[in-house]
Amino acid sequence: MYWTDEGYLLSKTNFDENSIIIEAFTLEHGKYSGIVYGGSSRKQKKNLQIGNKISFNWRSKNENKAGYFNIELINPVSPFFFDDKKRSICILSATSILKILLPSRETNKNIYHSFENMLNNLKYNNWINLYISWELSLINQLGYEANFIDKKNINFDSKKYVDINDKLFKVPNLILHHNVKENSKEDVREALTFNKLLFMENFLTPNKLRLPISRIILEKYYI
């Protein structure tokens, strides 16, 4: 079996002295894993940075067996933020969440384009707002829908709370008023904490999964 596709590198793990196993989120084939022979070489290490956009050629003797990738760099996303700890951990947080929550080998074009748009806008000053909006979009695409502006879901007389799985959570101002250009650290932290609760309540805890360390670190930057 053989296919060619574009996508983003989600994770990489050493396989042997010269090779690595990678997981990619591709446009037409969804989340896929495979071996990159020679992936630990100096040249390939430069290309195989988490979050980079890559052209993938995947081959396998059988669709249900492990395959291997030949790769070619399309866009080096991560290197532009090597000197920016917050944006770098943001990339790791997003890719780690996708790695954990996306089903393997299922096309998710809406999530793909949303993720790509978020990465393309990391260069802007309001990047953290865009990341928070991306998380909410992902939560929605994965099956949990909540309209936080709908009075049916929010009691405006009780400090804007929403009922999620029979639990009341306060909806942060940043999420209610997402067009605000400047937010305090407290505003960002509250929004990240709220999103974390949505992830935990709807996806992670029921499936006995853990929140990625990179996501925890991102939230700590706003303490």
N, C-alpha and C. Protein backbone atom coordinates (compact mmCIF):
# COMPACT_ATOMS: atom_id res chain seq x y z
N MET A 1 0.84 -1.19 0.00
CA MET A 1 0.00 0.00 0.00
C MET A 1 0.88 1.24 0.00
N TYR A 2 0.43 2.27 -0.71
CA TYR A 2 1.22 3.49 -0.81
C TYR A 2 0.30 4.71 -0.91
N TRP A 3 0.67 5.79 -0.21
CA TRP A 3 -0.03 7.06 -0.39
C TRP A 3 0.90 8.22 -0.09
N THR A 4 0.54 9.38 -0.63
CA THR A 4 1.27 10.62 -0.41
C THR A 4 0.30 11.66 0.14
N ASP A 5 0.75 12.41 1.12
CA ASP A 5 -0.13 13.39 1.75
C ASP A 5 0.71 14.46 2.44
N GLU A 6 0.07 15.56 2.77
CA GLU A 6 0.70 16.59 3.58
C GLU A 6 0.22 16.46 5.01
N GLY A 7 0.99 16.98 5.95
CA GLY A 7 0.55 16.89 7.33
C GLY A 7 1.55 17.51 8.29
N TYR A 8 1.25 17.35 9.57
CA TYR A 8 2.07 17.94 10.64
C TYR A 8 2.59 16.85 11.57
N LEU A 9 3.82 17.01 12.01
CA LEU A 9 4.43 16.03 12.90
C LEU A 9 3.90 16.21 14.31
N LEU A 10 3.31 15.15 14.88
CA LEU A 10 2.75 15.20 16.22
C LEU A 10 3.70 14.67 17.28
N SER A 11 4.46 13.65 16.94
CA SER A 11 5.36 13.05 17.94
C SER A 11 6.44 12.23 17.24
N LYS A 12 7.50 11.94 17.98
CA LYS A 12 8.57 11.09 17.47
C LYS A 12 9.21 10.34 18.63
N THR A 13 9.58 9.09 18.35
CA THR A 13 10.17 8.21 19.36
C THR A 13 11.31 7.43 18.74
N ASN A 14 12.42 7.32 19.45
CA ASN A 14 13.56 6.55 18.94
C ASN A 14 13.16 5.09 18.72
N PHE A 15 13.57 4.54 17.59
CA PHE A 15 13.25 3.17 17.25
C PHE A 15 14.49 2.28 17.33
N ASP A 16 15.54 2.69 16.70
CA ASP A 16 16.84 2.03 16.85
C ASP A 16 17.91 3.11 16.69
N GLU A 17 19.13 2.70 16.45
CA GLU A 17 20.23 3.65 16.41
C GLU A 17 20.05 4.72 15.34
N ASN A 18 19.43 4.38 14.22
CA ASN A 18 19.33 5.32 13.11
C ASN A 18 17.90 5.72 12.74
N SER A 19 16.91 5.09 13.33
CA SER A 19 15.53 5.31 12.89
C SER A 19 14.64 5.78 14.04
N ILE A 20 13.51 6.37 13.67
CA ILE A 20 12.53 6.80 14.66
C ILE A 20 11.12 6.41 14.20
N ILE A 21 10.22 6.32 15.15
CA ILE A 21 8.80 6.14 14.85
C ILE A 21 8.12 7.49 15.04
N ILE A 22 7.38 7.92 14.04
CA ILE A 22 6.69 9.21 14.13
C ILE A 22 5.19 9.02 14.04
N GLU A 23 4.47 10.01 14.54
CA GLU A 23 3.04 10.06 14.37
C GLU A 23 2.73 11.38 13.70
N ALA A 24 1.94 11.34 12.64
CA ALA A 24 1.64 12.54 11.85
C ALA A 24 0.13 12.73 11.75
N PHE A 25 -0.27 13.99 11.65
CA PHE A 25 -1.68 14.32 11.40
C PHE A 25 -1.77 14.83 9.98
N THR A 26 -2.35 14.01 9.09
CA THR A 26 -2.37 14.32 7.67
C THR A 26 -3.75 14.79 7.21
N LEU A 27 -3.77 15.49 6.11
CA LEU A 27 -5.01 16.07 5.59
C LEU A 27 -6.00 15.00 5.13
N GLU A 28 -5.55 14.08 4.32
CA GLU A 28 -6.45 13.11 3.69
C GLU A 28 -6.55 11.77 4.41
N HIS A 29 -5.59 11.49 5.31
CA HIS A 29 -5.56 10.16 5.93
C HIS A 29 -5.64 10.20 7.46
N GLY A 30 -5.76 11.38 8.02
CA GLY A 30 -5.88 11.49 9.47
C GLY A 30 -4.57 11.23 10.18
N LYS A 31 -4.67 10.73 11.40
CA LYS A 31 -3.49 10.46 12.21
C LYS A 31 -2.89 9.11 11.83
N TYR A 32 -1.61 9.12 11.49
CA TYR A 32 -0.92 7.91 11.02
C TYR A 32 0.45 7.82 11.68
N SER A 33 0.89 6.60 11.92
CA SER A 33 2.23 6.39 12.47
C SER A 33 3.04 5.52 11.53
N GLY A 34 4.35 5.61 11.64
CA GLY A 34 5.24 4.82 10.80
C GLY A 34 6.70 5.07 11.15
N ILE A 35 7.55 4.28 10.57
CA ILE A 35 9.00 4.39 10.83
C ILE A 35 9.64 5.30 9.79
N VAL A 36 10.56 6.13 10.23
CA VAL A 36 11.40 6.91 9.33
C VAL A 36 12.82 6.37 9.45
N TYR A 37 13.25 5.62 8.44
CA TYR A 37 14.62 5.09 8.46
C TYR A 37 15.61 6.24 8.26
N GLY A 38 16.61 6.28 9.11
CA GLY A 38 17.57 7.38 9.06
C GLY A 38 17.04 8.65 9.68
N GLY A 39 15.93 8.53 10.42
CA GLY A 39 15.30 9.71 11.00
C GLY A 39 16.10 10.37 12.09
N SER A 40 17.08 9.67 12.63
CA SER A 40 17.90 10.25 13.69
C SER A 40 19.15 10.95 13.15
N SER A 41 19.30 10.99 11.82
CA SER A 41 20.44 11.68 11.22
C SER A 41 20.34 13.18 11.44
N ARG A 42 21.46 13.88 11.34
CA ARG A 42 21.47 15.32 11.56
C ARG A 42 20.52 16.04 10.60
N LYS A 43 20.50 15.62 9.35
CA LYS A 43 19.65 16.26 8.35
C LYS A 43 18.17 16.06 8.68
N GLN A 44 17.81 14.84 9.03
CA GLN A 44 16.41 14.55 9.31
C GLN A 44 15.94 15.15 10.63
N LYS A 45 16.84 15.23 11.60
CA LYS A 45 16.47 15.84 12.88
C LYS A 45 16.01 17.28 12.67
N LYS A 46 16.67 17.95 11.75
CA LYS A 46 16.33 19.34 11.46
C LYS A 46 14.92 19.45 10.88
N ASN A 47 14.55 18.47 10.07
CA ASN A 47 13.22 18.48 9.45
C ASN A 47 12.13 17.98 10.38
N LEU A 48 12.50 17.00 11.21
CA LEU A 48 11.51 16.34 12.05
C LEU A 48 11.38 17.03 13.41
N GLN A 49 10.98 18.28 13.38
CA GLN A 49 10.66 19.03 14.59
C GLN A 49 9.14 19.01 14.78
N ILE A 50 8.70 18.80 16.02
CA ILE A 50 7.28 18.72 16.32
C ILE A 50 6.58 19.99 15.83
N GLY A 51 5.51 19.81 15.07
CA GLY A 51 4.75 20.94 14.55
C GLY A 51 5.11 21.34 13.14
N ASN A 52 6.22 20.82 12.61
CA ASN A 52 6.60 21.16 11.23
C ASN A 52 5.61 20.55 10.23
N LYS A 53 5.40 21.27 9.13
CA LYS A 53 4.56 20.76 8.06
C LYS A 53 5.42 19.97 7.08
N ILE A 54 4.98 18.77 6.76
CA ILE A 54 5.83 17.83 6.03
C ILE A 54 5.02 17.12 4.94
N SER A 55 5.69 16.77 3.85
CA SER A 55 5.11 15.91 2.83
C SER A 55 5.46 14.47 3.19
N PHE A 56 4.45 13.63 3.33
CA PHE A 56 4.65 12.24 3.76
C PHE A 56 4.36 11.27 2.62
N ASN A 57 5.28 10.34 2.41
CA ASN A 57 5.06 9.20 1.51
C ASN A 57 5.06 7.95 2.39
N TRP A 58 3.93 7.29 2.47
CA TRP A 58 3.78 6.15 3.37
C TRP A 58 3.67 4.85 2.58
N ARG A 59 4.40 3.85 2.99
CA ARG A 59 4.38 2.53 2.32
C ARG A 59 4.22 1.43 3.36
N SER A 60 3.51 0.39 2.96
CA SER A 60 3.36 -0.78 3.82
C SER A 60 2.97 -1.96 2.96
N LYS A 61 3.38 -3.15 3.36
CA LYS A 61 3.00 -4.36 2.62
C LYS A 61 1.52 -4.65 2.79
N ASN A 62 0.98 -4.21 3.92
CA ASN A 62 -0.42 -4.46 4.21
C ASN A 62 -0.97 -3.25 4.96
N GLU A 63 -2.18 -2.85 4.64
CA GLU A 63 -2.78 -1.65 5.23
C GLU A 63 -2.83 -1.74 6.75
N ASN A 64 -2.98 -2.95 7.30
CA ASN A 64 -3.12 -3.12 8.74
C ASN A 64 -1.79 -3.33 9.45
N LYS A 65 -0.70 -3.35 8.70
CA LYS A 65 0.62 -3.54 9.31
C LYS A 65 1.35 -2.21 9.39
N ALA A 66 2.38 -2.20 10.24
CA ALA A 66 3.19 -0.99 10.39
C ALA A 66 3.87 -0.67 9.06
N GLY A 67 3.91 0.62 8.74
CA GLY A 67 4.54 1.05 7.51
C GLY A 67 5.71 1.97 7.79
N TYR A 68 6.23 2.56 6.75
CA TYR A 68 7.33 3.50 6.95
C TYR A 68 7.12 4.73 6.07
N PHE A 69 7.69 5.84 6.51
CA PHE A 69 7.56 7.11 5.84
C PHE A 69 8.85 7.53 5.15
N ASN A 70 8.69 8.13 3.97
CA ASN A 70 9.71 9.00 3.41
C ASN A 70 9.16 10.41 3.54
N ILE A 71 9.98 11.33 3.99
CA ILE A 71 9.46 12.65 4.29
C ILE A 71 10.24 13.75 3.57
N GLU A 72 9.55 14.87 3.35
CA GLU A 72 10.18 16.06 2.78
C GLU A 72 9.55 17.29 3.45
N LEU A 73 10.39 18.16 3.95
CA LEU A 73 9.90 19.33 4.68
C LEU A 73 9.16 20.28 3.76
N ILE A 74 7.97 20.73 4.19
CA ILE A 74 7.21 21.75 3.47
C ILE A 74 7.37 23.11 4.13
N ASN A 75 7.15 23.15 5.44
CA ASN A 75 7.21 24.42 6.17
C ASN A 75 7.76 24.20 7.58
N PRO A 76 8.91 24.80 7.90
CA PRO A 76 9.50 24.64 9.23
C PRO A 76 8.81 25.55 10.25
N VAL A 77 7.73 25.07 10.84
CA VAL A 77 6.95 25.90 11.77
C VAL A 77 7.68 26.12 13.09
N SER A 78 8.12 25.05 13.72
CA SER A 78 8.69 25.13 15.06
C SER A 78 9.93 26.00 15.19
N PRO A 79 10.88 25.94 14.25
CA PRO A 79 12.11 26.72 14.40
C PRO A 79 11.89 28.22 14.55
N PHE A 80 10.80 28.75 14.03
CA PHE A 80 10.54 30.18 14.15
C PHE A 80 10.29 30.59 15.60
N PHE A 81 9.99 29.62 16.47
CA PHE A 81 9.64 29.95 17.85
C PHE A 81 10.58 29.31 18.86
N PHE A 82 11.76 28.86 18.42
CA PHE A 82 12.70 28.23 19.33
C PHE A 82 13.11 29.17 20.48
N ASP A 83 13.11 30.46 20.23
CA ASP A 83 13.50 31.43 21.26
C ASP A 83 12.30 31.95 22.06
N ASP A 84 11.15 31.40 21.83
CA ASP A 84 9.93 31.83 22.52
C ASP A 84 9.34 30.62 23.25
N LYS A 85 9.56 30.57 24.56
CA LYS A 85 9.15 29.40 25.34
C LYS A 85 7.64 29.18 25.32
N LYS A 86 6.88 30.27 25.41
CA LYS A 86 5.43 30.13 25.48
C LYS A 86 4.86 29.60 24.18
N ARG A 87 5.29 30.17 23.06
CA ARG A 87 4.78 29.70 21.77
C ARG A 87 5.26 28.28 21.48
N SER A 88 6.48 27.97 21.87
CA SER A 88 7.01 26.62 21.64
C SER A 88 6.21 25.58 22.42
N ILE A 89 5.91 25.90 23.70
CA ILE A 89 5.14 24.95 24.50
C ILE A 89 3.70 24.89 24.01
N CYS A 90 3.22 25.97 23.41
CA CYS A 90 1.88 25.98 22.82
C CYS A 90 1.80 24.96 21.69
N ILE A 91 2.82 24.92 20.83
CA ILE A 91 2.87 23.95 19.74
C ILE A 91 2.88 22.53 20.29
N LEU A 92 3.70 22.30 21.31
CA LEU A 92 3.79 20.96 21.91
C LEU A 92 2.47 20.58 22.57
N SER A 93 1.81 21.55 23.19
CA SER A 93 0.52 21.29 23.81
C SER A 93 -0.52 20.87 22.78
N ALA A 94 -0.62 21.63 21.70
CA ALA A 94 -1.61 21.33 20.66
C ALA A 94 -1.35 19.98 20.00
N THR A 95 -0.10 19.70 19.66
CA THR A 95 0.21 18.42 19.00
C THR A 95 0.00 17.25 19.94
N SER A 96 0.30 17.44 21.22
CA SER A 96 0.11 16.36 22.20
C SER A 96 -1.37 16.06 22.41
N ILE A 97 -2.19 17.10 22.43
CA ILE A 97 -3.64 16.91 22.58
C ILE A 97 -4.20 16.15 21.38
N LEU A 98 -3.76 16.53 20.17
CA LEU A 98 -4.22 15.83 18.97
C LEU A 98 -3.76 14.37 18.98
N LYS A 99 -2.55 14.13 19.41
CA LYS A 99 -2.02 12.77 19.46
C LYS A 99 -2.86 11.89 20.38
N ILE A 100 -3.27 12.45 21.51
CA ILE A 100 -4.03 11.69 22.48
C ILE A 100 -5.48 11.47 22.06
N LEU A 101 -6.11 12.51 21.50
CA LEU A 101 -7.55 12.48 21.31
C LEU A 101 -8.03 12.07 19.91
N LEU A 102 -7.19 12.25 18.90
CA LEU A 102 -7.65 11.91 17.55
C LEU A 102 -7.64 10.40 17.33
N PRO A 103 -8.69 9.86 16.71
CA PRO A 103 -8.68 8.44 16.35
C PRO A 103 -7.69 8.21 15.21
N SER A 104 -7.07 7.07 15.19
CA SER A 104 -6.09 6.76 14.15
C SER A 104 -6.77 6.48 12.81
N ARG A 105 -6.15 6.96 11.76
CA ARG A 105 -6.54 6.66 10.39
C ARG A 105 -7.97 7.08 10.04
N GLU A 106 -8.41 8.17 10.65
CA GLU A 106 -9.71 8.74 10.30
C GLU A 106 -9.50 10.19 9.86
N THR A 107 -10.02 10.52 8.68
CA THR A 107 -9.86 11.87 8.14
C THR A 107 -10.65 12.88 8.97
N ASN A 108 -9.98 13.96 9.33
CA ASN A 108 -10.61 15.04 10.10
C ASN A 108 -10.20 16.37 9.50
N LYS A 109 -10.76 16.70 8.34
CA LYS A 109 -10.31 17.89 7.61
C LYS A 109 -10.63 19.18 8.35
N ASN A 110 -11.76 19.26 9.01
CA ASN A 110 -12.10 20.47 9.74
C ASN A 110 -11.11 20.72 10.87
N ILE A 111 -10.78 19.67 11.60
CA ILE A 111 -9.79 19.80 12.67
C ILE A 111 -8.43 20.13 12.08
N TYR A 112 -8.09 19.51 10.95
CA TYR A 112 -6.80 19.77 10.31
C TYR A 112 -6.67 21.24 9.95
N HIS A 113 -7.68 21.79 9.28
CA HIS A 113 -7.60 23.19 8.84
C HIS A 113 -7.63 24.15 10.03
N SER A 114 -8.36 23.81 11.06
CA SER A 114 -8.39 24.63 12.26
C SER A 114 -7.03 24.66 12.93
N PHE A 115 -6.40 23.50 13.02
CA PHE A 115 -5.06 23.39 13.60
C PHE A 115 -4.05 24.16 12.77
N GLU A 116 -4.11 24.03 11.47
CA GLU A 116 -3.20 24.73 10.57
C GLU A 116 -3.37 26.24 10.70
N ASN A 117 -4.60 26.69 10.78
CA ASN A 117 -4.87 28.12 10.92
C ASN A 117 -4.29 28.66 12.22
N MET A 118 -4.44 27.89 13.31
CA MET A 118 -3.88 28.30 14.59
C MET A 118 -2.37 28.43 14.51
N LEU A 119 -1.69 27.46 13.91
CA LEU A 119 -0.23 27.52 13.77
C LEU A 119 0.20 28.72 12.92
N ASN A 120 -0.54 28.98 11.86
CA ASN A 120 -0.19 30.09 10.97
C ASN A 120 -0.35 31.45 11.64
N ASN A 121 -1.14 31.49 12.71
CA ASN A 121 -1.39 32.77 13.40
C ASN A 121 -0.64 32.92 14.71
N LEU A 122 0.26 32.00 15.00
CA LEU A 122 1.05 32.10 16.22
C LEU A 122 1.96 33.33 16.24
N LYS A 123 2.24 33.88 15.09
CA LYS A 123 3.13 35.03 14.99
C LYS A 123 2.49 36.31 15.51
N TYR A 124 1.16 36.32 15.66
CA TYR A 124 0.47 37.54 16.07
C TYR A 124 0.45 37.68 17.59
N ASN A 125 0.29 38.94 18.05
CA ASN A 125 0.35 39.22 19.48
C ASN A 125 -0.75 38.54 20.27
N ASN A 126 -1.91 38.33 19.66
CA ASN A 126 -3.04 37.71 20.37
C ASN A 126 -3.06 36.20 20.17
N TRP A 127 -1.90 35.61 19.99
CA TRP A 127 -1.81 34.18 19.68
C TRP A 127 -2.45 33.31 20.77
N ILE A 128 -2.33 33.69 22.04
CA ILE A 128 -2.88 32.84 23.10
C ILE A 128 -4.40 32.82 23.04
N ASN A 129 -5.02 33.94 22.66
CA ASN A 129 -6.47 33.96 22.47
C ASN A 129 -6.88 33.01 21.36
N LEU A 130 -6.09 33.02 20.29
CA LEU A 130 -6.38 32.13 19.15
C LEU A 130 -6.20 30.67 19.55
N TYR A 131 -5.20 30.40 20.39
CA TYR A 131 -4.99 29.03 20.85
C TYR A 131 -6.17 28.57 21.70
N ILE A 132 -6.63 29.43 22.60
CA ILE A 132 -7.77 29.09 23.45
C ILE A 132 -9.01 28.83 22.59
N SER A 133 -9.22 29.66 21.57
CA SER A 133 -10.35 29.46 20.65
C SER A 133 -10.20 28.15 19.89
N TRP A 134 -8.96 27.81 19.55
CA TRP A 134 -8.71 26.55 18.84
C TRP A 134 -9.06 25.36 19.72
N GLU A 135 -8.70 25.41 20.99
CA GLU A 135 -9.06 24.32 21.89
C GLU A 135 -10.57 24.14 21.96
N LEU A 136 -11.29 25.24 22.07
CA LEU A 136 -12.75 25.16 22.12
C LEU A 136 -13.32 24.58 20.83
N SER A 137 -12.73 24.98 19.70
CA SER A 137 -13.15 24.45 18.41
C SER A 137 -12.90 22.94 18.34
N LEU A 138 -11.74 22.51 18.84
CA LEU A 138 -11.41 21.08 18.85
C LEU A 138 -12.40 20.31 19.71
N ILE A 139 -12.69 20.84 20.88
CA ILE A 139 -13.65 20.19 21.78
C ILE A 139 -15.00 20.02 21.09
N ASN A 140 -15.40 21.05 20.36
CA ASN A 140 -16.65 21.01 19.61
C ASN A 140 -16.60 19.96 18.51
N GLN A 141 -15.51 19.94 17.75
CA GLN A 141 -15.36 18.99 16.64
C GLN A 141 -15.31 17.55 17.13
N LEU A 142 -14.82 17.35 18.35
CA LEU A 142 -14.72 16.00 18.90
C LEU A 142 -16.04 15.50 19.49
N GLY A 143 -17.05 16.39 19.51
CA GLY A 143 -18.37 15.91 19.89
C GLY A 143 -19.05 16.62 21.03
N TYR A 144 -18.33 17.51 21.74
CA TYR A 144 -18.99 18.24 22.82
C TYR A 144 -19.36 19.62 22.33
N GLU A 145 -20.65 19.93 22.32
CA GLU A 145 -21.11 21.23 21.84
C GLU A 145 -21.69 22.04 22.99
N ALA A 146 -21.25 23.29 23.09
CA ALA A 146 -21.80 24.20 24.10
C ALA A 146 -21.76 25.61 23.55
N ASN A 147 -22.90 26.27 23.57
CA ASN A 147 -22.98 27.67 23.16
C ASN A 147 -22.94 28.53 24.41
N PHE A 148 -21.76 29.10 24.68
CA PHE A 148 -21.57 29.82 25.94
C PHE A 148 -22.22 31.20 25.95
N ILE A 149 -22.80 31.60 24.82
CA ILE A 149 -23.48 32.89 24.76
C ILE A 149 -25.00 32.70 24.91
N ASP A 150 -25.44 31.47 24.82
CA ASP A 150 -26.87 31.16 24.87
C ASP A 150 -27.39 31.22 26.31
N LYS A 151 -28.41 32.04 26.55
CA LYS A 151 -28.93 32.19 27.89
C LYS A 151 -29.53 30.89 28.43
N LYS A 152 -29.81 29.95 27.56
CA LYS A 152 -30.33 28.67 28.02
C LYS A 152 -29.25 27.89 28.75
N ASN A 153 -27.98 28.15 28.40
CA ASN A 153 -26.87 27.43 29.01
C ASN A 153 -26.22 28.21 30.15
N ILE A 154 -26.42 29.54 30.17
CA ILE A 154 -25.76 30.36 31.17
C ILE A 154 -26.78 31.13 32.00
N ASN A 155 -26.62 31.06 33.30
CA ASN A 155 -27.44 31.84 34.20
C ASN A 155 -26.73 33.16 34.46
N PHE A 156 -27.20 34.24 33.84
CA PHE A 156 -26.51 35.52 33.94
C PHE A 156 -26.64 36.14 35.33
N ASP A 157 -27.54 35.60 36.17
CA ASP A 157 -27.68 36.12 37.52
C ASP A 157 -26.77 35.39 38.51
N SER A 158 -26.04 34.41 38.05
CA SER A 158 -25.15 33.68 38.94
C SER A 158 -23.73 33.63 38.39
N LYS A 159 -23.25 34.77 37.93
CA LYS A 159 -21.86 34.96 37.50
C LYS A 159 -21.47 34.06 36.33
N LYS A 160 -22.43 33.84 35.42
CA LYS A 160 -22.15 33.13 34.17
C LYS A 160 -21.58 31.73 34.41
N TYR A 161 -22.40 30.85 34.85
CA TYR A 161 -22.01 29.46 35.03
C TYR A 161 -22.68 28.60 33.96
N VAL A 162 -22.05 27.50 33.61
CA VAL A 162 -22.62 26.57 32.65
C VAL A 162 -22.62 25.18 33.26
N ASP A 163 -23.66 24.43 33.00
CA ASP A 163 -23.81 23.07 33.53
C ASP A 163 -23.16 22.09 32.55
N ILE A 164 -22.13 21.39 33.02
CA ILE A 164 -21.43 20.39 32.20
C ILE A 164 -21.40 19.09 32.98
N ASN A 165 -22.07 18.09 32.46
CA ASN A 165 -22.13 16.79 33.13
C ASN A 165 -22.61 16.92 34.57
N ASP A 166 -23.66 17.74 34.75
CA ASP A 166 -24.27 17.97 36.07
C ASP A 166 -23.33 18.66 37.05
N LYS A 167 -22.35 19.38 36.52
CA LYS A 167 -21.46 20.18 37.35
C LYS A 167 -21.46 21.61 36.83
N LEU A 168 -21.39 22.56 37.75
CA LEU A 168 -21.40 23.97 37.36
C LEU A 168 -19.98 24.51 37.25
N PHE A 169 -19.69 25.12 36.10
CA PHE A 169 -18.38 25.73 35.89
C PHE A 169 -18.58 27.18 35.45
N LYS A 170 -17.74 28.06 35.99
CA LYS A 170 -17.80 29.46 35.60
C LYS A 170 -17.18 29.63 34.22
N VAL A 171 -17.86 30.33 33.34
CA VAL A 171 -17.35 30.59 32.00
C VAL A 171 -16.49 31.86 32.05
N PRO A 172 -15.21 31.77 31.70
CA PRO A 172 -14.31 32.93 31.80
C PRO A 172 -14.70 34.07 30.86
N ASN A 173 -14.36 35.28 31.25
CA ASN A 173 -14.66 36.45 30.43
C ASN A 173 -14.00 36.38 29.07
N LEU A 174 -12.80 35.84 29.02
CA LEU A 174 -12.08 35.77 27.74
C LEU A 174 -12.85 34.96 26.72
N ILE A 175 -13.53 33.93 27.18
CA ILE A 175 -14.32 33.09 26.28
C ILE A 175 -15.65 33.75 25.92
N LEU A 176 -16.24 34.42 26.89
CA LEU A 176 -17.50 35.11 26.61
C LEU A 176 -17.30 36.31 25.70
N HIS A 177 -16.16 36.99 25.87
CA HIS A 177 -15.86 38.20 25.09
C HIS A 177 -14.56 37.96 24.32
N HIS A 178 -14.60 37.03 23.38
CA HIS A 178 -13.39 36.56 22.71
C HIS A 178 -12.77 37.58 21.77
N ASN A 179 -13.45 38.68 21.49
CA ASN A 179 -12.89 39.70 20.59
C ASN A 179 -12.00 40.71 21.31
N VAL A 180 -11.89 40.61 22.64
CA VAL A 180 -11.03 41.52 23.40
C VAL A 180 -9.58 41.27 23.02
N LYS A 181 -8.85 42.32 22.66
CA LYS A 181 -7.49 42.16 22.15
C LYS A 181 -6.47 41.97 23.26
N GLU A 182 -6.70 42.58 24.42
CA GLU A 182 -5.75 42.48 25.51
C GLU A 182 -6.41 41.84 26.72
N ASN A 183 -5.73 40.85 27.30
CA ASN A 183 -6.24 40.17 28.47
C ASN A 183 -5.13 40.03 29.50
N SER A 184 -5.51 40.00 30.75
CA SER A 184 -4.55 39.83 31.83
C SER A 184 -4.12 38.37 31.93
N LYS A 185 -3.08 38.12 32.70
CA LYS A 185 -2.65 36.75 32.94
C LYS A 185 -3.77 35.94 33.59
N GLU A 186 -4.50 36.58 34.47
CA GLU A 186 -5.59 35.91 35.15
C GLU A 186 -6.68 35.51 34.16
N ASP A 187 -6.99 36.38 33.20
CA ASP A 187 -8.00 36.07 32.19
C ASP A 187 -7.59 34.84 31.39
N VAL A 188 -6.32 34.83 30.96
CA VAL A 188 -5.81 33.70 30.16
C VAL A 188 -5.82 32.42 30.98
N ARG A 189 -5.35 32.52 32.21
CA ARG A 189 -5.30 31.33 33.07
C ARG A 189 -6.70 30.76 33.29
N GLU A 190 -7.68 31.62 33.55
CA GLU A 190 -9.05 31.15 33.75
C GLU A 190 -9.59 30.44 32.51
N ALA A 191 -9.29 30.98 31.33
CA ALA A 191 -9.76 30.37 30.09
C ALA A 191 -9.09 29.02 29.85
N LEU A 192 -7.78 28.95 30.08
CA LEU A 192 -7.06 27.68 29.92
C LEU A 192 -7.56 26.63 30.91
N THR A 193 -7.83 27.07 32.14
CA THR A 193 -8.35 26.15 33.16
C THR A 193 -9.73 25.63 32.78
N PHE A 194 -10.57 26.52 32.25
CA PHE A 194 -11.91 26.13 31.81
C PHE A 194 -11.82 25.10 30.68
N ASN A 195 -10.98 25.35 29.70
CA ASN A 195 -10.81 24.39 28.60
C ASN A 195 -10.29 23.06 29.13
N LYS A 196 -9.37 23.13 30.08
CA LYS A 196 -8.83 21.89 30.68
C LYS A 196 -9.95 21.08 31.31
N LEU A 197 -10.86 21.75 32.01
CA LEU A 197 -11.98 21.06 32.62
C LEU A 197 -12.86 20.38 31.58
N LEU A 198 -13.07 21.06 30.44
CA LEU A 198 -13.86 20.46 29.36
C LEU A 198 -13.16 19.21 28.81
N PHE A 199 -11.85 19.30 28.62
CA PHE A 199 -11.10 18.13 28.15
C PHE A 199 -11.21 16.99 29.16
N MET A 200 -11.01 17.31 30.44
CA MET A 200 -11.02 16.27 31.46
C MET A 200 -12.40 15.63 31.59
N GLU A 201 -13.44 16.46 31.66
CA GLU A 201 -14.79 15.96 31.90
C GLU A 201 -15.32 15.12 30.73
N ASN A 202 -14.98 15.53 29.52
CA ASN A 202 -15.61 14.92 28.35
C ASN A 202 -14.76 13.87 27.63
N PHE A 203 -13.46 13.92 27.78
CA PHE A 203 -12.60 13.03 26.98
C PHE A 203 -11.55 12.28 27.80
N LEU A 204 -10.84 12.99 28.64
CA LEU A 204 -9.68 12.38 29.30
C LEU A 204 -10.08 11.45 30.45
N THR A 205 -10.79 11.98 31.43
CA THR A 205 -11.16 11.16 32.59
C THR A 205 -11.99 9.93 32.21
N PRO A 206 -13.01 10.06 31.35
CA PRO A 206 -13.80 8.87 30.98
C PRO A 206 -12.96 7.79 30.29
N ASN A 207 -11.89 8.20 29.62
CA ASN A 207 -11.05 7.22 28.90
C ASN A 207 -9.73 6.95 29.61
N LYS A 208 -9.65 7.41 30.88
CA LYS A 208 -8.46 7.18 31.72
C LYS A 208 -7.18 7.68 31.06
N LEU A 209 -7.29 8.89 30.49
CA LEU A 209 -6.15 9.53 29.85
C LEU A 209 -5.67 10.70 30.71
N ARG A 210 -4.43 11.08 30.52
CA ARG A 210 -3.85 12.18 31.28
C ARG A 210 -3.68 13.41 30.40
N LEU A 211 -3.83 14.57 31.01
CA LEU A 211 -3.56 15.81 30.30
C LEU A 211 -2.07 15.88 29.98
N PRO A 212 -1.70 16.24 28.74
CA PRO A 212 -0.28 16.30 28.38
C PRO A 212 0.51 17.26 29.27
N ILE A 213 1.74 16.88 29.58
CA ILE A 213 2.59 17.73 30.43
C ILE A 213 2.78 19.10 29.81
N SER A 214 2.92 19.16 28.49
CA SER A 214 3.12 20.44 27.81
C SER A 214 1.92 21.36 28.02
N ARG A 215 0.71 20.79 28.09
CA ARG A 215 -0.48 21.61 28.33
C ARG A 215 -0.49 22.16 29.76
N ILE A 216 -0.02 21.36 30.70
CA ILE A 216 0.09 21.80 32.09
C ILE A 216 1.10 22.93 32.22
N ILE A 217 2.23 22.78 31.52
CA ILE A 217 3.27 23.82 31.55
C ILE A 217 2.74 25.12 30.96
N LEU A 218 2.01 25.04 29.85
CA LEU A 218 1.45 26.25 29.22
C LEU A 218 0.58 27.01 30.21
N GLU A 219 -0.25 26.30 30.93
CA GLU A 219 -1.13 26.95 31.90
C GLU A 219 -0.32 27.60 33.03
N LYS A 220 0.78 26.96 33.44
CA LYS A 220 1.60 27.49 34.53
C LYS A 220 2.30 28.80 34.15
N TYR A 221 2.50 29.02 32.85
CA TYR A 221 3.11 30.28 32.43
C TYR A 221 2.23 31.48 32.78
N TYR A 222 0.96 31.23 33.08
CA TYR A 222 0.05 32.34 33.34
C TYR A 222 -0.40 32.42 34.80
N ILE A 223 0.38 31.79 35.66
CA ILE A 223 0.13 31.88 37.11
C ILE A 223 0.66 33.24 37.61
